[in-house]
Amino acid sequence: MWWLGIRDVEKERYSADGPIFEHDERNFRSGFEAALRLRDRNRSYEECYQELDVDARDSAAFRRGYERGRQYLKTFRKHASA
């Protein structure tokens, strides 16, 4: 359910850069969720690469999702502490 609340924003941002979101959504979302996992928080993609989902971690969509997830978490924390 939480994904439905942010999906449209992520779709708009993703599609603005060219690729079709619906085609990449599964890998993008997997990357986004990976960045939010407690064990991976505050770690770059490179730092936790070996521990990431083996099937998706090499896709560009997964990496984009991971980076967006990190940005989302940073923004969330900033607003939560204000």
C-alpha atoms as a PDB file:
ATOM      1  CA  MET A   1       0.000   0.000   0.000  1.00  0.00           C
ATOM      2  CA  TRP A   2       2.825   2.435   0.779  1.00  0.00           C
ATOM      3  CA  TRP A   3       4.104   2.098  -2.791  1.00  0.00           C
ATOM      4  CA  LEU A   4       0.785   3.320  -4.180  1.00  0.00           C
ATOM      5  CA  GLY A   5       1.278   6.547  -2.262  1.00  0.00           C
ATOM      6  CA  ILE A   6       4.589   7.360  -3.939  1.00  0.00           C
ATOM      7  CA  ARG A   7       4.326   5.439  -7.217  1.00  0.00           C
ATOM      8  CA  ASP A   8       2.924   8.302  -9.298  1.00  0.00           C
ATOM      9  CA  VAL A   9       5.655  10.695  -8.183  1.00  0.00           C
ATOM     10  CA  GLU A  10       8.364   8.142  -8.932  1.00  0.00           C
ATOM     11  CA  LYS A  11       6.769   7.274 -12.288  1.00  0.00           C
ATOM     12  CA  GLU A  12       6.687  10.920 -13.324  1.00  0.00           C
ATOM     13  CA  ARG A  13      10.294  11.501 -12.291  1.00  0.00           C
ATOM     14  CA  TYR A  14      11.498   8.270 -13.910  1.00  0.00           C
ATOM     15  CA  SER A  15       9.638   8.831 -17.166  1.00  0.00           C
ATOM     16  CA  ALA A  16      10.918  12.393 -17.455  1.00  0.00           C
ATOM     17  CA  ASP A  17      14.372  10.916 -18.082  1.00  0.00           C
ATOM     18  CA  GLY A  18      13.156   8.823 -21.006  1.00  0.00           C
ATOM     19  CA  PRO A  19      12.640   5.139 -20.123  1.00  0.00           C
ATOM     20  CA  ILE A  20       9.177   3.660 -19.809  1.00  0.00           C
ATOM     21  CA  PHE A  21       8.417   3.209 -16.109  1.00  0.00           C
ATOM     22  CA  GLU A  22       6.029   0.280 -16.502  1.00  0.00           C
ATOM     23  CA  HIS A  23       8.754  -1.754 -18.205  1.00  0.00           C
ATOM     24  CA  ASP A  24      11.283  -1.129 -15.419  1.00  0.00           C
ATOM     25  CA  GLU A  25       8.975  -0.796 -12.412  1.00  0.00           C
ATOM     26  CA  ARG A  26       9.672  -4.214 -10.880  1.00  0.00           C
ATOM     27  CA  ASN A  27      13.452  -3.714 -10.790  1.00  0.00           C
ATOM     28  CA  PHE A  28      13.133  -0.034  -9.868  1.00  0.00           C
ATOM     29  CA  ARG A  29      10.871  -0.875  -6.933  1.00  0.00           C
ATOM     30  CA  SER A  30      13.190  -3.690  -5.811  1.00  0.00           C
ATOM     31  CA  GLY A  31      16.070  -1.229  -5.721  1.00  0.00           C
ATOM     32  CA  PHE A  32      13.980   1.397  -3.947  1.00  0.00           C
ATOM     33  CA  GLU A  33      12.948  -1.107  -1.270  1.00  0.00           C
ATOM     34  CA  ALA A  34      16.511  -2.376  -0.879  1.00  0.00           C
ATOM     35  CA  ALA A  35      17.678   1.129  -0.015  1.00  0.00           C
ATOM     36  CA  LEU A  36      15.054   1.326   2.736  1.00  0.00           C
ATOM     37  CA  ARG A  37      16.054  -1.956   4.406  1.00  0.00           C
ATOM     38  CA  LEU A  38      17.631  -1.437   7.778  1.00  0.00           C
ATOM     39  CA  ARG A  39      20.820  -3.321   6.902  1.00  0.00           C
ATOM     40  CA  ASP A  40      21.379  -1.223   3.760  1.00  0.00           C
ATOM     41  CA  ARG A  41      20.442   2.212   5.059  1.00  0.00           C
ATOM     42  CA  ASN A  42      23.223   4.766   4.834  1.00  0.00           C
ATOM     43  CA  ARG A  43      25.198   2.487   2.528  1.00  0.00           C
ATOM     44  CA  SER A  44      25.913   3.228  -1.091  1.00  0.00           C
ATOM     45  CA  TYR A  45      24.967   0.850  -3.866  1.00  0.00           C
ATOM     46  CA  GLU A  46      28.606  -0.172  -4.180  1.00  0.00           C
ATOM     47  CA  GLU A  47      28.954  -0.865  -0.447  1.00  0.00           C
ATOM     48  CA  CYS A  48      26.124  -3.383  -0.351  1.00  0.00           C
ATOM     49  CA  TYR A  49      26.259  -4.683  -3.931  1.00  0.00           C
ATOM     50  CA  GLN A  50      27.171  -8.262  -2.923  1.00  0.00           C
ATOM     51  CA  GLU A  51      24.215  -8.466  -0.542  1.00  0.00           C
ATOM     52  CA  LEU A  52      21.610  -7.140  -2.966  1.00  0.00           C
ATOM     53  CA  ASP A  53      19.036  -9.156  -4.923  1.00  0.00           C
ATOM     54  CA  VAL A  54      21.185 -11.136  -7.358  1.00  0.00           C
ATOM     55  CA  ASP A  55      18.560 -11.226 -10.121  1.00  0.00           C
ATOM     56  CA  ALA A  56      18.034  -7.497 -10.322  1.00  0.00           C
ATOM     57  CA  ARG A  57      21.084  -5.753  -8.899  1.00  0.00           C
ATOM     58  CA  ASP A  58      22.853  -5.318 -12.243  1.00  0.00           C
ATOM     59  CA  SER A  59      19.956  -3.610 -13.989  1.00  0.00           C
ATOM     60  CA  ALA A  60      20.031   0.140 -14.470  1.00  0.00           C
ATOM     61  CA  ALA A  61      16.449   0.352 -13.187  1.00  0.00           C
ATOM     62  CA  PHE A  62      17.414  -1.371  -9.905  1.00  0.00           C
ATOM     63  CA  ARG A  63      20.284   1.009  -9.360  1.00  0.00           C
ATOM     64  CA  ARG A  64      18.108   4.030 -10.137  1.00  0.00           C
ATOM     65  CA  GLY A  65      15.542   2.727  -7.686  1.00  0.00           C
ATOM     66  CA  TYR A  66      18.220   2.222  -5.050  1.00  0.00           C
ATOM     67  CA  GLU A  67      19.461   5.780  -5.452  1.00  0.00           C
ATOM     68  CA  ARG A  68      15.904   7.183  -5.361  1.00  0.00           C
ATOM     69  CA  GLY A  69      15.184   5.127  -2.245  1.00  0.00           C
ATOM     70  CA  ARG A  70      18.216   6.662  -0.554  1.00  0.00           C
ATOM     71  CA  GLN A  71      17.021  10.151  -1.509  1.00  0.00           C
ATOM     72  CA  TYR A  72      13.514   9.354  -0.274  1.00  0.00           C
ATOM     73  CA  LEU A  73      14.853   8.149   3.076  1.00  0.00           C
ATOM     74  CA  LYS A  74      17.038  11.232   3.447  1.00  0.00           C
ATOM     75  CA  THR A  75      14.079  13.523   2.756  1.00  0.00           C
ATOM     76  CA  PHE A  76      11.839  11.530   5.098  1.00  0.00           C
ATOM     77  CA  ARG A  77      14.362  11.797   7.917  1.00  0.00           C
ATOM     78  CA  LYS A  78      14.804  15.521   7.339  1.00  0.00           C
ATOM     79  CA  HIS A  79      11.046  16.150   7.607  1.00  0.00           C
ATOM     80  CA  ALA A  80      10.653  13.804  10.571  1.00  0.00           C
ATOM     81  CA  SER A  81      13.284  15.663  12.582  1.00  0.00           C
ATOM     82  CA  ALA A  82      11.901  19.124  11.784  1.00  0.00           C
END
